[in-house]
């Protein structure tokens, strides 16, 4: 469960970075 939770956090961070990069 810790691995799945860690993967979710990484995925969330990547999506956040992507969304912030699109306007640029």
PDBML (XML) file of the C-alpha atoms, coordinates in Angstrom:
<?xml version="1.0" encoding="UTF-8" ?>
<PDBx:datablock datablockName="MODEL"
   xmlns:PDBx="http://pdbml.pdb.org/schema/pdbx-v50.xsd"
   xmlns:xsi="http://www.w3.org/2001/XMLSchema-instance"
   xsi:schemaLocation="http://pdbml.pdb.org/schema/pdbx-v50.xsd pdbx-v50.xsd">
   <PDBx:atom_siteCategory>
      <PDBx:atom_site id="1">
         <PDBx:B_iso_or_equiv>0.00</PDBx:B_iso_or_equiv>
         <PDBx:Cartn_x>0.000</PDBx:Cartn_x>
         <PDBx:Cartn_y>0.000</PDBx:Cartn_y>
         <PDBx:Cartn_z>0.000</PDBx:Cartn_z>
         <PDBx:auth_asym_id>A</PDBx:auth_asym_id>
         <PDBx:auth_atom_id>CA</PDBx:auth_atom_id>
         <PDBx:auth_comp_id>UNK</PDBx:auth_comp_id>
         <PDBx:auth_seq_id>1</PDBx:auth_seq_id>
         <PDBx:group_PDB>ATOM</PDBx:group_PDB>
         <PDBx:label_alt_id xsi:nil="true" />
         <PDBx:label_asym_id>A</PDBx:label_asym_id>
         <PDBx:label_atom_id>CA</PDBx:label_atom_id>
         <PDBx:label_comp_id>UNK</PDBx:label_comp_id>
         <PDBx:label_entity_id>1</PDBx:label_entity_id>
         <PDBx:label_seq_id>1</PDBx:label_seq_id>
         <PDBx:occupancy>1.00</PDBx:occupancy>
         <PDBx:pdbx_PDB_model_num>1</PDBx:pdbx_PDB_model_num>
         <PDBx:type_symbol>C</PDBx:type_symbol>
      </PDBx:atom_site>
      <PDBx:atom_site id="2">
         <PDBx:B_iso_or_equiv>0.00</PDBx:B_iso_or_equiv>
         <PDBx:Cartn_x>2.969</PDBx:Cartn_x>
         <PDBx:Cartn_y>2.289</PDBx:Cartn_y>
         <PDBx:Cartn_z>0.715</PDBx:Cartn_z>
         <PDBx:auth_asym_id>A</PDBx:auth_asym_id>
         <PDBx:auth_atom_id>CA</PDBx:auth_atom_id>
         <PDBx:auth_comp_id>UNK</PDBx:auth_comp_id>
         <PDBx:auth_seq_id>2</PDBx:auth_seq_id>
         <PDBx:group_PDB>ATOM</PDBx:group_PDB>
         <PDBx:label_alt_id xsi:nil="true" />
         <PDBx:label_asym_id>A</PDBx:label_asym_id>
         <PDBx:label_atom_id>CA</PDBx:label_atom_id>
         <PDBx:label_comp_id>UNK</PDBx:label_comp_id>
         <PDBx:label_entity_id>1</PDBx:label_entity_id>
         <PDBx:label_seq_id>2</PDBx:label_seq_id>
         <PDBx:occupancy>1.00</PDBx:occupancy>
         <PDBx:pdbx_PDB_model_num>1</PDBx:pdbx_PDB_model_num>
         <PDBx:type_symbol>C</PDBx:type_symbol>
      </PDBx:atom_site>
      <PDBx:atom_site id="3">
         <PDBx:B_iso_or_equiv>0.00</PDBx:B_iso_or_equiv>
         <PDBx:Cartn_x>4.291</PDBx:Cartn_x>
         <PDBx:Cartn_y>1.720</PDBx:Cartn_y>
         <PDBx:Cartn_z>-2.841</PDBx:Cartn_z>
         <PDBx:auth_asym_id>A</PDBx:auth_asym_id>
         <PDBx:auth_atom_id>CA</PDBx:auth_atom_id>
         <PDBx:auth_comp_id>UNK</PDBx:auth_comp_id>
         <PDBx:auth_seq_id>3</PDBx:auth_seq_id>
         <PDBx:group_PDB>ATOM</PDBx:group_PDB>
         <PDBx:label_alt_id xsi:nil="true" />
         <PDBx:label_asym_id>A</PDBx:label_asym_id>
         <PDBx:label_atom_id>CA</PDBx:label_atom_id>
         <PDBx:label_comp_id>UNK</PDBx:label_comp_id>
         <PDBx:label_entity_id>1</PDBx:label_entity_id>
         <PDBx:label_seq_id>3</PDBx:label_seq_id>
         <PDBx:occupancy>1.00</PDBx:occupancy>
         <PDBx:pdbx_PDB_model_num>1</PDBx:pdbx_PDB_model_num>
         <PDBx:type_symbol>C</PDBx:type_symbol>
      </PDBx:atom_site>
      <PDBx:atom_site id="4">
         <PDBx:B_iso_or_equiv>0.00</PDBx:B_iso_or_equiv>
         <PDBx:Cartn_x>0.877</PDBx:Cartn_x>
         <PDBx:Cartn_y>2.486</PDBx:Cartn_y>
         <PDBx:Cartn_z>-4.381</PDBx:Cartn_z>
         <PDBx:auth_asym_id>A</PDBx:auth_asym_id>
         <PDBx:auth_atom_id>CA</PDBx:auth_atom_id>
         <PDBx:auth_comp_id>UNK</PDBx:auth_comp_id>
         <PDBx:auth_seq_id>4</PDBx:auth_seq_id>
         <PDBx:group_PDB>ATOM</PDBx:group_PDB>
         <PDBx:label_alt_id xsi:nil="true" />
         <PDBx:label_asym_id>A</PDBx:label_asym_id>
         <PDBx:label_atom_id>CA</PDBx:label_atom_id>
         <PDBx:label_comp_id>UNK</PDBx:label_comp_id>
         <PDBx:label_entity_id>1</PDBx:label_entity_id>
         <PDBx:label_seq_id>4</PDBx:label_seq_id>
         <PDBx:occupancy>1.00</PDBx:occupancy>
         <PDBx:pdbx_PDB_model_num>1</PDBx:pdbx_PDB_model_num>
         <PDBx:type_symbol>C</PDBx:type_symbol>
      </PDBx:atom_site>
      <PDBx:atom_site id="5">
         <PDBx:B_iso_or_equiv>0.00</PDBx:B_iso_or_equiv>
         <PDBx:Cartn_x>0.570</PDBx:Cartn_x>
         <PDBx:Cartn_y>5.619</PDBx:Cartn_y>
         <PDBx:Cartn_z>-2.241</PDBx:Cartn_z>
         <PDBx:auth_asym_id>A</PDBx:auth_asym_id>
         <PDBx:auth_atom_id>CA</PDBx:auth_atom_id>
         <PDBx:auth_comp_id>UNK</PDBx:auth_comp_id>
         <PDBx:auth_seq_id>5</PDBx:auth_seq_id>
         <PDBx:group_PDB>ATOM</PDBx:group_PDB>
         <PDBx:label_alt_id xsi:nil="true" />
         <PDBx:label_asym_id>A</PDBx:label_asym_id>
         <PDBx:label_atom_id>CA</PDBx:label_atom_id>
         <PDBx:label_comp_id>UNK</PDBx:label_comp_id>
         <PDBx:label_entity_id>1</PDBx:label_entity_id>
         <PDBx:label_seq_id>5</PDBx:label_seq_id>
         <PDBx:occupancy>1.00</PDBx:occupancy>
         <PDBx:pdbx_PDB_model_num>1</PDBx:pdbx_PDB_model_num>
         <PDBx:type_symbol>C</PDBx:type_symbol>
      </PDBx:atom_site>
      <PDBx:atom_site id="6">
         <PDBx:B_iso_or_equiv>0.00</PDBx:B_iso_or_equiv>
         <PDBx:Cartn_x>4.046</PDBx:Cartn_x>
         <PDBx:Cartn_y>6.751</PDBx:Cartn_y>
         <PDBx:Cartn_z>-3.292</PDBx:Cartn_z>
         <PDBx:auth_asym_id>A</PDBx:auth_asym_id>
         <PDBx:auth_atom_id>CA</PDBx:auth_atom_id>
         <PDBx:auth_comp_id>UNK</PDBx:auth_comp_id>
         <PDBx:auth_seq_id>6</PDBx:auth_seq_id>
         <PDBx:group_PDB>ATOM</PDBx:group_PDB>
         <PDBx:label_alt_id xsi:nil="true" />
         <PDBx:label_asym_id>A</PDBx:label_asym_id>
         <PDBx:label_atom_id>CA</PDBx:label_atom_id>
         <PDBx:label_comp_id>UNK</PDBx:label_comp_id>
         <PDBx:label_entity_id>1</PDBx:label_entity_id>
         <PDBx:label_seq_id>6</PDBx:label_seq_id>
         <PDBx:occupancy>1.00</PDBx:occupancy>
         <PDBx:pdbx_PDB_model_num>1</PDBx:pdbx_PDB_model_num>
         <PDBx:type_symbol>C</PDBx:type_symbol>
      </PDBx:atom_site>
      <PDBx:atom_site id="7">
         <PDBx:B_iso_or_equiv>0.00</PDBx:B_iso_or_equiv>
         <PDBx:Cartn_x>3.202</PDBx:Cartn_x>
         <PDBx:Cartn_y>6.188</PDBx:Cartn_y>
         <PDBx:Cartn_z>-6.961</PDBx:Cartn_z>
         <PDBx:auth_asym_id>A</PDBx:auth_asym_id>
         <PDBx:auth_atom_id>CA</PDBx:auth_atom_id>
         <PDBx:auth_comp_id>UNK</PDBx:auth_comp_id>
         <PDBx:auth_seq_id>7</PDBx:auth_seq_id>
         <PDBx:group_PDB>ATOM</PDBx:group_PDB>
         <PDBx:label_alt_id xsi:nil="true" />
         <PDBx:label_asym_id>A</PDBx:label_asym_id>
         <PDBx:label_atom_id>CA</PDBx:label_atom_id>
         <PDBx:label_comp_id>UNK</PDBx:label_comp_id>
         <PDBx:label_entity_id>1</PDBx:label_entity_id>
         <PDBx:label_seq_id>7</PDBx:label_seq_id>
         <PDBx:occupancy>1.00</PDBx:occupancy>
         <PDBx:pdbx_PDB_model_num>1</PDBx:pdbx_PDB_model_num>
         <PDBx:type_symbol>C</PDBx:type_symbol>
      </PDBx:atom_site>
      <PDBx:atom_site id="8">
         <PDBx:B_iso_or_equiv>0.00</PDBx:B_iso_or_equiv>
         <PDBx:Cartn_x>0.015</PDBx:Cartn_x>
         <PDBx:Cartn_y>8.253</PDBx:Cartn_y>
         <PDBx:Cartn_z>-6.576</PDBx:Cartn_z>
         <PDBx:auth_asym_id>A</PDBx:auth_asym_id>
         <PDBx:auth_atom_id>CA</PDBx:auth_atom_id>
         <PDBx:auth_comp_id>UNK</PDBx:auth_comp_id>
         <PDBx:auth_seq_id>8</PDBx:auth_seq_id>
         <PDBx:group_PDB>ATOM</PDBx:group_PDB>
         <PDBx:label_alt_id xsi:nil="true" />
         <PDBx:label_asym_id>A</PDBx:label_asym_id>
         <PDBx:label_atom_id>CA</PDBx:label_atom_id>
         <PDBx:label_comp_id>UNK</PDBx:label_comp_id>
         <PDBx:label_entity_id>1</PDBx:label_entity_id>
         <PDBx:label_seq_id>8</PDBx:label_seq_id>
         <PDBx:occupancy>1.00</PDBx:occupancy>
         <PDBx:pdbx_PDB_model_num>1</PDBx:pdbx_PDB_model_num>
         <PDBx:type_symbol>C</PDBx:type_symbol>
      </PDBx:atom_site>
      <PDBx:atom_site id="9">
         <PDBx:B_iso_or_equiv>0.00</PDBx:B_iso_or_equiv>
         <PDBx:Cartn_x>2.013</PDBx:Cartn_x>
         <PDBx:Cartn_y>11.110</PDBx:Cartn_y>
         <PDBx:Cartn_z>-5.080</PDBx:Cartn_z>
         <PDBx:auth_asym_id>A</PDBx:auth_asym_id>
         <PDBx:auth_atom_id>CA</PDBx:auth_atom_id>
         <PDBx:auth_comp_id>UNK</PDBx:auth_comp_id>
         <PDBx:auth_seq_id>9</PDBx:auth_seq_id>
         <PDBx:group_PDB>ATOM</PDBx:group_PDB>
         <PDBx:label_alt_id xsi:nil="true" />
         <PDBx:label_asym_id>A</PDBx:label_asym_id>
         <PDBx:label_atom_id>CA</PDBx:label_atom_id>
         <PDBx:label_comp_id>UNK</PDBx:label_comp_id>
         <PDBx:label_entity_id>1</PDBx:label_entity_id>
         <PDBx:label_seq_id>9</PDBx:label_seq_id>
         <PDBx:occupancy>1.00</PDBx:occupancy>
         <PDBx:pdbx_PDB_model_num>1</PDBx:pdbx_PDB_model_num>
         <PDBx:type_symbol>C</PDBx:type_symbol>
      </PDBx:atom_site>
      <PDBx:atom_site id="10">
         <PDBx:B_iso_or_equiv>0.00</PDBx:B_iso_or_equiv>
         <PDBx:Cartn_x>4.519</PDBx:Cartn_x>
         <PDBx:Cartn_y>11.023</PDBx:Cartn_y>
         <PDBx:Cartn_z>-7.965</PDBx:Cartn_z>
         <PDBx:auth_asym_id>A</PDBx:auth_asym_id>
         <PDBx:auth_atom_id>CA</PDBx:auth_atom_id>
         <PDBx:auth_comp_id>UNK</PDBx:auth_comp_id>
         <PDBx:auth_seq_id>10</PDBx:auth_seq_id>
         <PDBx:group_PDB>ATOM</PDBx:group_PDB>
         <PDBx:label_alt_id xsi:nil="true" />
         <PDBx:label_asym_id>A</PDBx:label_asym_id>
         <PDBx:label_atom_id>CA</PDBx:label_atom_id>
         <PDBx:label_comp_id>UNK</PDBx:label_comp_id>
         <PDBx:label_entity_id>1</PDBx:label_entity_id>
         <PDBx:label_seq_id>10</PDBx:label_seq_id>
         <PDBx:occupancy>1.00</PDBx:occupancy>
         <PDBx:pdbx_PDB_model_num>1</PDBx:pdbx_PDB_model_num>
         <PDBx:type_symbol>C</PDBx:type_symbol>
      </PDBx:atom_site>
      <PDBx:atom_site id="11">
         <PDBx:B_iso_or_equiv>0.00</PDBx:B_iso_or_equiv>
         <PDBx:Cartn_x>1.712</PDBx:Cartn_x>
         <PDBx:Cartn_y>10.890</PDBx:Cartn_y>
         <PDBx:Cartn_z>-10.526</PDBx:Cartn_z>
         <PDBx:auth_asym_id>A</PDBx:auth_asym_id>
         <PDBx:auth_atom_id>CA</PDBx:auth_atom_id>
         <PDBx:auth_comp_id>UNK</PDBx:auth_comp_id>
         <PDBx:auth_seq_id>11</PDBx:auth_seq_id>
         <PDBx:group_PDB>ATOM</PDBx:group_PDB>
         <PDBx:label_alt_id xsi:nil="true" />
         <PDBx:label_asym_id>A</PDBx:label_asym_id>
         <PDBx:label_atom_id>CA</PDBx:label_atom_id>
         <PDBx:label_comp_id>UNK</PDBx:label_comp_id>
         <PDBx:label_entity_id>1</PDBx:label_entity_id>
         <PDBx:label_seq_id>11</PDBx:label_seq_id>
         <PDBx:occupancy>1.00</PDBx:occupancy>
         <PDBx:pdbx_PDB_model_num>1</PDBx:pdbx_PDB_model_num>
         <PDBx:type_symbol>C</PDBx:type_symbol>
      </PDBx:atom_site>
      <PDBx:atom_site id="12">
         <PDBx:B_iso_or_equiv>0.00</PDBx:B_iso_or_equiv>
         <PDBx:Cartn_x>-0.043</PDBx:Cartn_x>
         <PDBx:Cartn_y>13.833</PDBx:Cartn_y>
         <PDBx:Cartn_z>-8.845</PDBx:Cartn_z>
         <PDBx:auth_asym_id>A</PDBx:auth_asym_id>
         <PDBx:auth_atom_id>CA</PDBx:auth_atom_id>
         <PDBx:auth_comp_id>UNK</PDBx:auth_comp_id>
         <PDBx:auth_seq_id>12</PDBx:auth_seq_id>
         <PDBx:group_PDB>ATOM</PDBx:group_PDB>
         <PDBx:label_alt_id xsi:nil="true" />
         <PDBx:label_asym_id>A</PDBx:label_asym_id>
         <PDBx:label_atom_id>CA</PDBx:label_atom_id>
         <PDBx:label_comp_id>UNK</PDBx:label_comp_id>
         <PDBx:label_entity_id>1</PDBx:label_entity_id>
         <PDBx:label_seq_id>12</PDBx:label_seq_id>
         <PDBx:occupancy>1.00</PDBx:occupancy>
         <PDBx:pdbx_PDB_model_num>1</PDBx:pdbx_PDB_model_num>
         <PDBx:type_symbol>C</PDBx:type_symbol>
      </PDBx:atom_site>
      <PDBx:atom_site id="13">
         <PDBx:B_iso_or_equiv>0.00</PDBx:B_iso_or_equiv>
         <PDBx:Cartn_x>3.180</PDBx:Cartn_x>
         <PDBx:Cartn_y>15.856</PDBx:Cartn_y>
         <PDBx:Cartn_z>-8.915</PDBx:Cartn_z>
         <PDBx:auth_asym_id>A</PDBx:auth_asym_id>
         <PDBx:auth_atom_id>CA</PDBx:auth_atom_id>
         <PDBx:auth_comp_id>UNK</PDBx:auth_comp_id>
         <PDBx:auth_seq_id>13</PDBx:auth_seq_id>
         <PDBx:group_PDB>ATOM</PDBx:group_PDB>
         <PDBx:label_alt_id xsi:nil="true" />
         <PDBx:label_asym_id>A</PDBx:label_asym_id>
         <PDBx:label_atom_id>CA</PDBx:label_atom_id>
         <PDBx:label_comp_id>UNK</PDBx:label_comp_id>
         <PDBx:label_entity_id>1</PDBx:label_entity_id>
         <PDBx:label_seq_id>13</PDBx:label_seq_id>
         <PDBx:occupancy>1.00</PDBx:occupancy>
         <PDBx:pdbx_PDB_model_num>1</PDBx:pdbx_PDB_model_num>
         <PDBx:type_symbol>C</PDBx:type_symbol>
      </PDBx:atom_site>
      <PDBx:atom_site id="14">
         <PDBx:B_iso_or_equiv>0.00</PDBx:B_iso_or_equiv>
         <PDBx:Cartn_x>3.733</PDBx:Cartn_x>
         <PDBx:Cartn_y>15.095</PDBx:Cartn_y>
         <PDBx:Cartn_z>-12.609</PDBx:Cartn_z>
         <PDBx:auth_asym_id>A</PDBx:auth_asym_id>
         <PDBx:auth_atom_id>CA</PDBx:auth_atom_id>
         <PDBx:auth_comp_id>UNK</PDBx:auth_comp_id>
         <PDBx:auth_seq_id>14</PDBx:auth_seq_id>
         <PDBx:group_PDB>ATOM</PDBx:group_PDB>
         <PDBx:label_alt_id xsi:nil="true" />
         <PDBx:label_asym_id>A</PDBx:label_asym_id>
         <PDBx:label_atom_id>CA</PDBx:label_atom_id>
         <PDBx:label_comp_id>UNK</PDBx:label_comp_id>
         <PDBx:label_entity_id>1</PDBx:label_entity_id>
         <PDBx:label_seq_id>14</PDBx:label_seq_id>
         <PDBx:occupancy>1.00</PDBx:occupancy>
         <PDBx:pdbx_PDB_model_num>1</PDBx:pdbx_PDB_model_num>
         <PDBx:type_symbol>C</PDBx:type_symbol>
      </PDBx:atom_site>
      <PDBx:atom_site id="15">
         <PDBx:B_iso_or_equiv>0.00</PDBx:B_iso_or_equiv>
         <PDBx:Cartn_x>0.182</PDBx:Cartn_x>
         <PDBx:Cartn_y>16.120</PDBx:Cartn_y>
         <PDBx:Cartn_z>-13.508</PDBx:Cartn_z>
         <PDBx:auth_asym_id>A</PDBx:auth_asym_id>
         <PDBx:auth_atom_id>CA</PDBx:auth_atom_id>
         <PDBx:auth_comp_id>UNK</PDBx:auth_comp_id>
         <PDBx:auth_seq_id>15</PDBx:auth_seq_id>
         <PDBx:group_PDB>ATOM</PDBx:group_PDB>
         <PDBx:label_alt_id xsi:nil="true" />
         <PDBx:label_asym_id>A</PDBx:label_asym_id>
         <PDBx:label_atom_id>CA</PDBx:label_atom_id>
         <PDBx:label_comp_id>UNK</PDBx:label_comp_id>
         <PDBx:label_entity_id>1</PDBx:label_entity_id>
         <PDBx:label_seq_id>15</PDBx:label_seq_id>
         <PDBx:occupancy>1.00</PDBx:occupancy>
         <PDBx:pdbx_PDB_model_num>1</PDBx:pdbx_PDB_model_num>
         <PDBx:type_symbol>C</PDBx:type_symbol>
      </PDBx:atom_site>
      <PDBx:atom_site id="16">
         <PDBx:B_iso_or_equiv>0.00</PDBx:B_iso_or_equiv>
         <PDBx:Cartn_x>0.562</PDBx:Cartn_x>
         <PDBx:Cartn_y>19.338</PDBx:Cartn_y>
         <PDBx:Cartn_z>-11.508</PDBx:Cartn_z>
         <PDBx:auth_asym_id>A</PDBx:auth_asym_id>
         <PDBx:auth_atom_id>CA</PDBx:auth_atom_id>
         <PDBx:auth_comp_id>UNK</PDBx:auth_comp_id>
         <PDBx:auth_seq_id>16</PDBx:auth_seq_id>
         <PDBx:group_PDB>ATOM</PDBx:group_PDB>
         <PDBx:label_alt_id xsi:nil="true" />
         <PDBx:label_asym_id>A</PDBx:label_asym_id>
         <PDBx:label_atom_id>CA</PDBx:label_atom_id>
         <PDBx:label_comp_id>UNK</PDBx:label_comp_id>
         <PDBx:label_entity_id>1</PDBx:label_entity_id>
         <PDBx:label_seq_id>16</PDBx:label_seq_id>
         <PDBx:occupancy>1.00</PDBx:occupancy>
         <PDBx:pdbx_PDB_model_num>1</PDBx:pdbx_PDB_model_num>
         <PDBx:type_symbol>C</PDBx:type_symbol>
      </PDBx:atom_site>
      <PDBx:atom_site id="17">
         <PDBx:B_iso_or_equiv>0.00</PDBx:B_iso_or_equiv>
         <PDBx:Cartn_x>3.829</PDBx:Cartn_x>
         <PDBx:Cartn_y>20.176</PDBx:Cartn_y>
         <PDBx:Cartn_z>-13.276</PDBx:Cartn_z>
         <PDBx:auth_asym_id>A</PDBx:auth_asym_id>
         <PDBx:auth_atom_id>CA</PDBx:auth_atom_id>
         <PDBx:auth_comp_id>UNK</PDBx:auth_comp_id>
         <PDBx:auth_seq_id>17</PDBx:auth_seq_id>
         <PDBx:group_PDB>ATOM</PDBx:group_PDB>
         <PDBx:label_alt_id xsi:nil="true" />
         <PDBx:label_asym_id>A</PDBx:label_asym_id>
         <PDBx:label_atom_id>CA</PDBx:label_atom_id>
         <PDBx:label_comp_id>UNK</PDBx:label_comp_id>
         <PDBx:label_entity_id>1</PDBx:label_entity_id>
         <PDBx:label_seq_id>17</PDBx:label_seq_id>
         <PDBx:occupancy>1.00</PDBx:occupancy>
         <PDBx:pdbx_PDB_model_num>1</PDBx:pdbx_PDB_model_num>
         <PDBx:type_symbol>C</PDBx:type_symbol>
      </PDBx:atom_site>
      <PDBx:atom_site id="18">
         <PDBx:B_iso_or_equiv>0.00</PDBx:B_iso_or_equiv>
         <PDBx:Cartn_x>2.305</PDBx:Cartn_x>
         <PDBx:Cartn_y>19.426</PDBx:Cartn_y>
         <PDBx:Cartn_z>-16.663</PDBx:Cartn_z>
         <PDBx:auth_asym_id>A</PDBx:auth_asym_id>
         <PDBx:auth_atom_id>CA</PDBx:auth_atom_id>
         <PDBx:auth_comp_id>UNK</PDBx:auth_comp_id>
         <PDBx:auth_seq_id>18</PDBx:auth_seq_id>
         <PDBx:group_PDB>ATOM</PDBx:group_PDB>
         <PDBx:label_alt_id xsi:nil="true" />
         <PDBx:label_asym_id>A</PDBx:label_asym_id>
         <PDBx:label_atom_id>CA</PDBx:label_atom_id>
         <PDBx:label_comp_id>UNK</PDBx:label_comp_id>
         <PDBx:label_entity_id>1</PDBx:label_entity_id>
         <PDBx:label_seq_id>18</PDBx:label_seq_id>
         <PDBx:occupancy>1.00</PDBx:occupancy>
         <PDBx:pdbx_PDB_model_num>1</PDBx:pdbx_PDB_model_num>
         <PDBx:type_symbol>C</PDBx:type_symbol>
      </PDBx:atom_site>
      <PDBx:atom_site id="19">
         <PDBx:B_iso_or_equiv>0.00</PDBx:B_iso_or_equiv>
         <PDBx:Cartn_x>-0.738</PDBx:Cartn_x>
         <PDBx:Cartn_y>21.622</PDBx:Cartn_y>
         <PDBx:Cartn_z>-16.003</PDBx:Cartn_z>
         <PDBx:auth_asym_id>A</PDBx:auth_asym_id>
         <PDBx:auth_atom_id>CA</PDBx:auth_atom_id>
         <PDBx:auth_comp_id>UNK</PDBx:auth_comp_id>
         <PDBx:auth_seq_id>19</PDBx:auth_seq_id>
         <PDBx:group_PDB>ATOM</PDBx:group_PDB>
         <PDBx:label_alt_id xsi:nil="true" />
         <PDBx:label_asym_id>A</PDBx:label_asym_id>
         <PDBx:label_atom_id>CA</PDBx:label_atom_id>
         <PDBx:label_comp_id>UNK</PDBx:label_comp_id>
         <PDBx:label_entity_id>1</PDBx:label_entity_id>
         <PDBx:label_seq_id>19</PDBx:label_seq_id>
         <PDBx:occupancy>1.00</PDBx:occupancy>
         <PDBx:pdbx_PDB_model_num>1</PDBx:pdbx_PDB_model_num>
         <PDBx:type_symbol>C</PDBx:type_symbol>
      </PDBx:atom_site>
      <PDBx:atom_site id="20">
         <PDBx:B_iso_or_equiv>0.00</PDBx:B_iso_or_equiv>
         <PDBx:Cartn_x>1.466</PDBx:Cartn_x>
         <PDBx:Cartn_y>24.501</PDBx:Cartn_y>
         <PDBx:Cartn_z>-14.880</PDBx:Cartn_z>
         <PDBx:auth_asym_id>A</PDBx:auth_asym_id>
         <PDBx:auth_atom_id>CA</PDBx:auth_atom_id>
         <PDBx:auth_comp_id>UNK</PDBx:auth_comp_id>
         <PDBx:auth_seq_id>20</PDBx:auth_seq_id>
         <PDBx:group_PDB>ATOM</PDBx:group_PDB>
         <PDBx:label_alt_id xsi:nil="true" />
         <PDBx:label_asym_id>A</PDBx:label_asym_id>
         <PDBx:label_atom_id>CA</PDBx:label_atom_id>
         <PDBx:label_comp_id>UNK</PDBx:label_comp_id>
         <PDBx:label_entity_id>1</PDBx:label_entity_id>
         <PDBx:label_seq_id>20</PDBx:label_seq_id>
         <PDBx:occupancy>1.00</PDBx:occupancy>
         <PDBx:pdbx_PDB_model_num>1</PDBx:pdbx_PDB_model_num>
         <PDBx:type_symbol>C</PDBx:type_symbol>
      </PDBx:atom_site>
      <PDBx:atom_site id="21">
         <PDBx:B_iso_or_equiv>0.00</PDBx:B_iso_or_equiv>
         <PDBx:Cartn_x>3.728</PDBx:Cartn_x>
         <PDBx:Cartn_y>24.100</PDBx:Cartn_y>
         <PDBx:Cartn_z>-17.915</PDBx:Cartn_z>
         <PDBx:auth_asym_id>A</PDBx:auth_asym_id>
         <PDBx:auth_atom_id>CA</PDBx:auth_atom_id>
         <PDBx:auth_comp_id>UNK</PDBx:auth_comp_id>
         <PDBx:auth_seq_id>21</PDBx:auth_seq_id>
         <PDBx:group_PDB>ATOM</PDBx:group_PDB>
         <PDBx:label_alt_id xsi:nil="true" />
         <PDBx:label_asym_id>A</PDBx:label_asym_id>
         <PDBx:label_atom_id>CA</PDBx:label_atom_id>
         <PDBx:label_comp_id>UNK</PDBx:label_comp_id>
         <PDBx:label_entity_id>1</PDBx:label_entity_id>
         <PDBx:label_seq_id>21</PDBx:label_seq_id>
         <PDBx:occupancy>1.00</PDBx:occupancy>
         <PDBx:pdbx_PDB_model_num>1</PDBx:pdbx_PDB_model_num>
         <PDBx:type_symbol>C</PDBx:type_symbol>
      </PDBx:atom_site>
      <PDBx:atom_site id="22">
         <PDBx:B_iso_or_equiv>0.00</PDBx:B_iso_or_equiv>
         <PDBx:Cartn_x>0.950</PDBx:Cartn_x>
         <PDBx:Cartn_y>24.160</PDBx:Cartn_y>
         <PDBx:Cartn_z>-20.534</PDBx:Cartn_z>
         <PDBx:auth_asym_id>A</PDBx:auth_asym_id>
         <PDBx:auth_atom_id>CA</PDBx:auth_atom_id>
         <PDBx:auth_comp_id>UNK</PDBx:auth_comp_id>
         <PDBx:auth_seq_id>22</PDBx:auth_seq_id>
         <PDBx:group_PDB>ATOM</PDBx:group_PDB>
         <PDBx:label_alt_id xsi:nil="true" />
         <PDBx:label_asym_id>A</PDBx:label_asym_id>
         <PDBx:label_atom_id>CA</PDBx:label_atom_id>
         <PDBx:label_comp_id>UNK</PDBx:label_comp_id>
         <PDBx:label_entity_id>1</PDBx:label_entity_id>
         <PDBx:label_seq_id>22</PDBx:label_seq_id>
         <PDBx:occupancy>1.00</PDBx:occupancy>
         <PDBx:pdbx_PDB_model_num>1</PDBx:pdbx_PDB_model_num>
         <PDBx:type_symbol>C</PDBx:type_symbol>
      </PDBx:atom_site>
      <PDBx:atom_site id="23">
         <PDBx:B_iso_or_equiv>0.00</PDBx:B_iso_or_equiv>
         <PDBx:Cartn_x>0.244</PDBx:Cartn_x>
         <PDBx:Cartn_y>27.928</PDBx:Cartn_y>
         <PDBx:Cartn_z>-20.222</PDBx:Cartn_z>
         <PDBx:auth_asym_id>A</PDBx:auth_asym_id>
         <PDBx:auth_atom_id>CA</PDBx:auth_atom_id>
         <PDBx:auth_comp_id>UNK</PDBx:auth_comp_id>
         <PDBx:auth_seq_id>23</PDBx:auth_seq_id>
         <PDBx:group_PDB>ATOM</PDBx:group_PDB>
         <PDBx:label_alt_id xsi:nil="true" />
         <PDBx:label_asym_id>A</PDBx:label_asym_id>
         <PDBx:label_atom_id>CA</PDBx:label_atom_id>
         <PDBx:label_comp_id>UNK</PDBx:label_comp_id>
         <PDBx:label_entity_id>1</PDBx:label_entity_id>
         <PDBx:label_seq_id>23</PDBx:label_seq_id>
         <PDBx:occupancy>1.00</PDBx:occupancy>
         <PDBx:pdbx_PDB_model_num>1</PDBx:pdbx_PDB_model_num>
         <PDBx:type_symbol>C</PDBx:type_symbol>
      </PDBx:atom_site>
      <PDBx:atom_site id="24">
         <PDBx:B_iso_or_equiv>0.00</PDBx:B_iso_or_equiv>
         <PDBx:Cartn_x>3.959</PDBx:Cartn_x>
         <PDBx:Cartn_y>28.609</PDBx:Cartn_y>
         <PDBx:Cartn_z>-20.700</PDBx:Cartn_z>
         <PDBx:auth_asym_id>A</PDBx:auth_asym_id>
         <PDBx:auth_atom_id>CA</PDBx:auth_atom_id>
         <PDBx:auth_comp_id>UNK</PDBx:auth_comp_id>
         <PDBx:auth_seq_id>24</PDBx:auth_seq_id>
         <PDBx:group_PDB>ATOM</PDBx:group_PDB>
         <PDBx:label_alt_id xsi:nil="true" />
         <PDBx:label_asym_id>A</PDBx:label_asym_id>
         <PDBx:label_atom_id>CA</PDBx:label_atom_id>
         <PDBx:label_comp_id>UNK</PDBx:label_comp_id>
         <PDBx:label_entity_id>1</PDBx:label_entity_id>
         <PDBx:label_seq_id>24</PDBx:label_seq_id>
         <PDBx:occupancy>1.00</PDBx:occupancy>
         <PDBx:pdbx_PDB_model_num>1</PDBx:pdbx_PDB_model_num>
         <PDBx:type_symbol>C</PDBx:type_symbol>
      </PDBx:atom_site>
   </PDBx:atom_siteCategory>
</PDBx:datablock>
